[in-house]
């Protein structure tokens, strides 16, 4: 049972790192948007909303779910910022 908990903890950390990397990948789109090559704003807007809801969920669980929180906070900022810079 303890081994399973350790595996789940490792998977949670890996998933958090991958989620952060996914949202960091918005940075090239933000740069393109700022240079006038605008991308579609819908996907980053929905990602920002999704990350907000997941962060609230992770924060208000009886036992805070830090992997969910850590994985989604960058998506809130980068998703909404990408959305903002994509508006022309």
C-alpha atoms as a PDB file:
ATOM      1  CA  UNK A   1       0.000   0.000   0.000  1.00  0.00           C
ATOM      2  CA  UNK A   2       2.796   2.442   0.879  1.00  0.00           C
ATOM      3  CA  UNK A   3       4.574   1.620  -2.411  1.00  0.00           C
ATOM      4  CA  UNK A   4       1.389   2.522  -4.297  1.00  0.00           C
ATOM      5  CA  UNK A   5       1.229   5.877  -2.482  1.00  0.00           C
ATOM      6  CA  UNK A   6       4.846   6.593  -3.464  1.00  0.00           C
ATOM      7  CA  UNK A   7       4.106   5.757  -7.116  1.00  0.00           C
ATOM      8  CA  UNK A   8       1.017   7.985  -7.108  1.00  0.00           C
ATOM      9  CA  UNK A   9       3.058  10.823  -5.587  1.00  0.00           C
ATOM     10  CA  UNK A  10       5.712  10.452  -8.309  1.00  0.00           C
ATOM     11  CA  UNK A  11       3.061  10.410 -11.037  1.00  0.00           C
ATOM     12  CA  UNK A  12       1.485  13.532  -9.531  1.00  0.00           C
ATOM     13  CA  UNK A  13       4.814  15.371  -9.600  1.00  0.00           C
ATOM     14  CA  UNK A  14       5.512  14.275 -13.167  1.00  0.00           C
ATOM     15  CA  UNK A  15       2.040  15.409 -14.240  1.00  0.00           C
ATOM     16  CA  UNK A  16       2.590  18.782 -12.554  1.00  0.00           C
ATOM     17  CA  UNK A  17       5.881  19.325 -14.390  1.00  0.00           C
ATOM     18  CA  UNK A  18       4.318  18.351 -17.723  1.00  0.00           C
ATOM     19  CA  UNK A  19       1.384  20.692 -17.149  1.00  0.00           C
ATOM     20  CA  UNK A  20       3.688  23.595 -16.365  1.00  0.00           C
ATOM     21  CA  UNK A  21       5.682  22.856 -19.530  1.00  0.00           C
ATOM     22  CA  UNK A  22       2.458  22.788 -21.532  1.00  0.00           C
ATOM     23  CA  UNK A  23       1.524  26.281 -20.355  1.00  0.00           C
ATOM     24  CA  UNK A  24       5.074  27.611 -20.760  1.00  0.00           C
ATOM     25  CA  UNK A  25       4.686  26.636 -24.418  1.00  0.00           C
ATOM     26  CA  UNK A  26       2.336  29.637 -24.717  1.00  0.00           C
ATOM     27  CA  UNK A  27       5.343  31.969 -24.501  1.00  0.00           C
ATOM     28  CA  UNK A  28       6.219  31.741 -28.245  1.00  0.00           C
ATOM     29  CA  UNK A  29       2.564  32.524 -29.072  1.00  0.00           C
ATOM     30  CA  UNK A  30       2.634  35.507 -26.720  1.00  0.00           C
ATOM     31  CA  UNK A  31       5.765  36.777 -28.486  1.00  0.00           C
ATOM     32  CA  UNK A  32       4.129  36.274 -31.910  1.00  0.00           C
ATOM     33  CA  UNK A  33       0.991  38.061 -30.709  1.00  0.00           C
ATOM     34  CA  UNK A  34       3.064  40.988 -29.492  1.00  0.00           C
ATOM     35  CA  UNK A  35       4.734  41.210 -32.910  1.00  0.00           C
ATOM     36  CA  UNK A  36       1.363  41.403 -34.678  1.00  0.00           C
ATOM     37  CA  UNK A  37       1.079  37.754 -35.757  1.00  0.00           C
ATOM     38  CA  UNK A  38      -2.042  37.088 -33.702  1.00  0.00           C
ATOM     39  CA  UNK A  39      -3.150  33.590 -32.786  1.00  0.00           C
ATOM     40  CA  UNK A  40      -6.675  32.485 -32.003  1.00  0.00           C
ATOM     41  CA  UNK A  41      -7.626  33.731 -28.504  1.00  0.00           C
ATOM     42  CA  UNK A  42     -10.272  31.066 -27.754  1.00  0.00           C
ATOM     43  CA  UNK A  43      -8.032  28.136 -26.744  1.00  0.00           C
ATOM     44  CA  UNK A  44      -5.884  30.089 -24.249  1.00  0.00           C
ATOM     45  CA  UNK A  45      -9.034  31.694 -22.789  1.00  0.00           C
ATOM     46  CA  UNK A  46     -10.606  28.278 -22.193  1.00  0.00           C
ATOM     47  CA  UNK A  47      -7.278  26.993 -20.797  1.00  0.00           C
ATOM     48  CA  UNK A  48      -7.154  29.937 -18.359  1.00  0.00           C
ATOM     49  CA  UNK A  49     -10.715  29.266 -17.201  1.00  0.00           C
ATOM     50  CA  UNK A  50     -10.027  25.526 -16.913  1.00  0.00           C
ATOM     51  CA  UNK A  51      -6.887  26.129 -14.848  1.00  0.00           C
ATOM     52  CA  UNK A  52      -8.752  28.538 -12.580  1.00  0.00           C
ATOM     53  CA  UNK A  53     -11.440  25.958 -11.843  1.00  0.00           C
ATOM     54  CA  UNK A  54      -8.869  23.180 -11.219  1.00  0.00           C
ATOM     55  CA  UNK A  55      -6.864  25.439  -8.904  1.00  0.00           C
ATOM     56  CA  UNK A  56      -9.981  26.294  -6.895  1.00  0.00           C
ATOM     57  CA  UNK A  57     -10.836  22.594  -6.707  1.00  0.00           C
ATOM     58  CA  UNK A  58      -7.342  21.622  -5.531  1.00  0.00           C
ATOM     59  CA  UNK A  59      -7.228  24.445  -2.993  1.00  0.00           C
ATOM     60  CA  UNK A  60     -10.592  23.788  -1.380  1.00  0.00           C
ATOM     61  CA  UNK A  61     -10.393  19.993  -1.122  1.00  0.00           C
ATOM     62  CA  UNK A  62     -10.407  18.744   2.479  1.00  0.00           C
ATOM     63  CA  UNK A  63      -6.705  18.008   2.028  1.00  0.00           C
ATOM     64  CA  UNK A  64      -5.191  20.520  -0.414  1.00  0.00           C
ATOM     65  CA  UNK A  65      -4.059  18.871  -3.622  1.00  0.00           C
ATOM     66  CA  UNK A  66      -0.742  20.618  -4.265  1.00  0.00           C
ATOM     67  CA  UNK A  67       0.111  18.816  -7.521  1.00  0.00           C
ATOM     68  CA  UNK A  68      -3.147  20.065  -9.031  1.00  0.00           C
ATOM     69  CA  UNK A  69      -2.580  23.591  -7.725  1.00  0.00           C
ATOM     70  CA  UNK A  70       1.054  23.789  -8.856  1.00  0.00           C
ATOM     71  CA  UNK A  71       0.194  22.337 -12.258  1.00  0.00           C
ATOM     72  CA  UNK A  72      -2.564  24.853 -12.957  1.00  0.00           C
ATOM     73  CA  UNK A  73      -1.431  28.206 -11.527  1.00  0.00           C
ATOM     74  CA  UNK A  74       0.957  28.895 -14.462  1.00  0.00           C
ATOM     75  CA  UNK A  75      -1.905  28.090 -16.836  1.00  0.00           C
ATOM     76  CA  UNK A  76      -4.052  30.771 -15.245  1.00  0.00           C
ATOM     77  CA  UNK A  77      -1.507  33.504 -15.874  1.00  0.00           C
ATOM     78  CA  UNK A  78      -0.142  32.296 -19.199  1.00  0.00           C
ATOM     79  CA  UNK A  79      -3.560  31.310 -20.586  1.00  0.00           C
ATOM     80  CA  UNK A  80      -5.172  34.658 -19.807  1.00  0.00           C
ATOM     81  CA  UNK A  81      -2.081  36.616 -20.872  1.00  0.00           C
ATOM     82  CA  UNK A  82      -1.969  34.730 -24.191  1.00  0.00           C
ATOM     83  CA  UNK A  83      -5.668  35.448 -24.636  1.00  0.00           C
ATOM     84  CA  UNK A  84      -5.114  39.146 -23.924  1.00  0.00           C
ATOM     85  CA  UNK A  85      -2.188  39.466 -26.324  1.00  0.00           C
ATOM     86  CA  UNK A  86      -4.133  37.620 -29.066  1.00  0.00           C
ATOM     87  CA  UNK A  87      -6.846  40.282 -29.127  1.00  0.00           C
ATOM     88  CA  UNK A  88      -6.226  42.688 -31.956  1.00  0.00           C
END
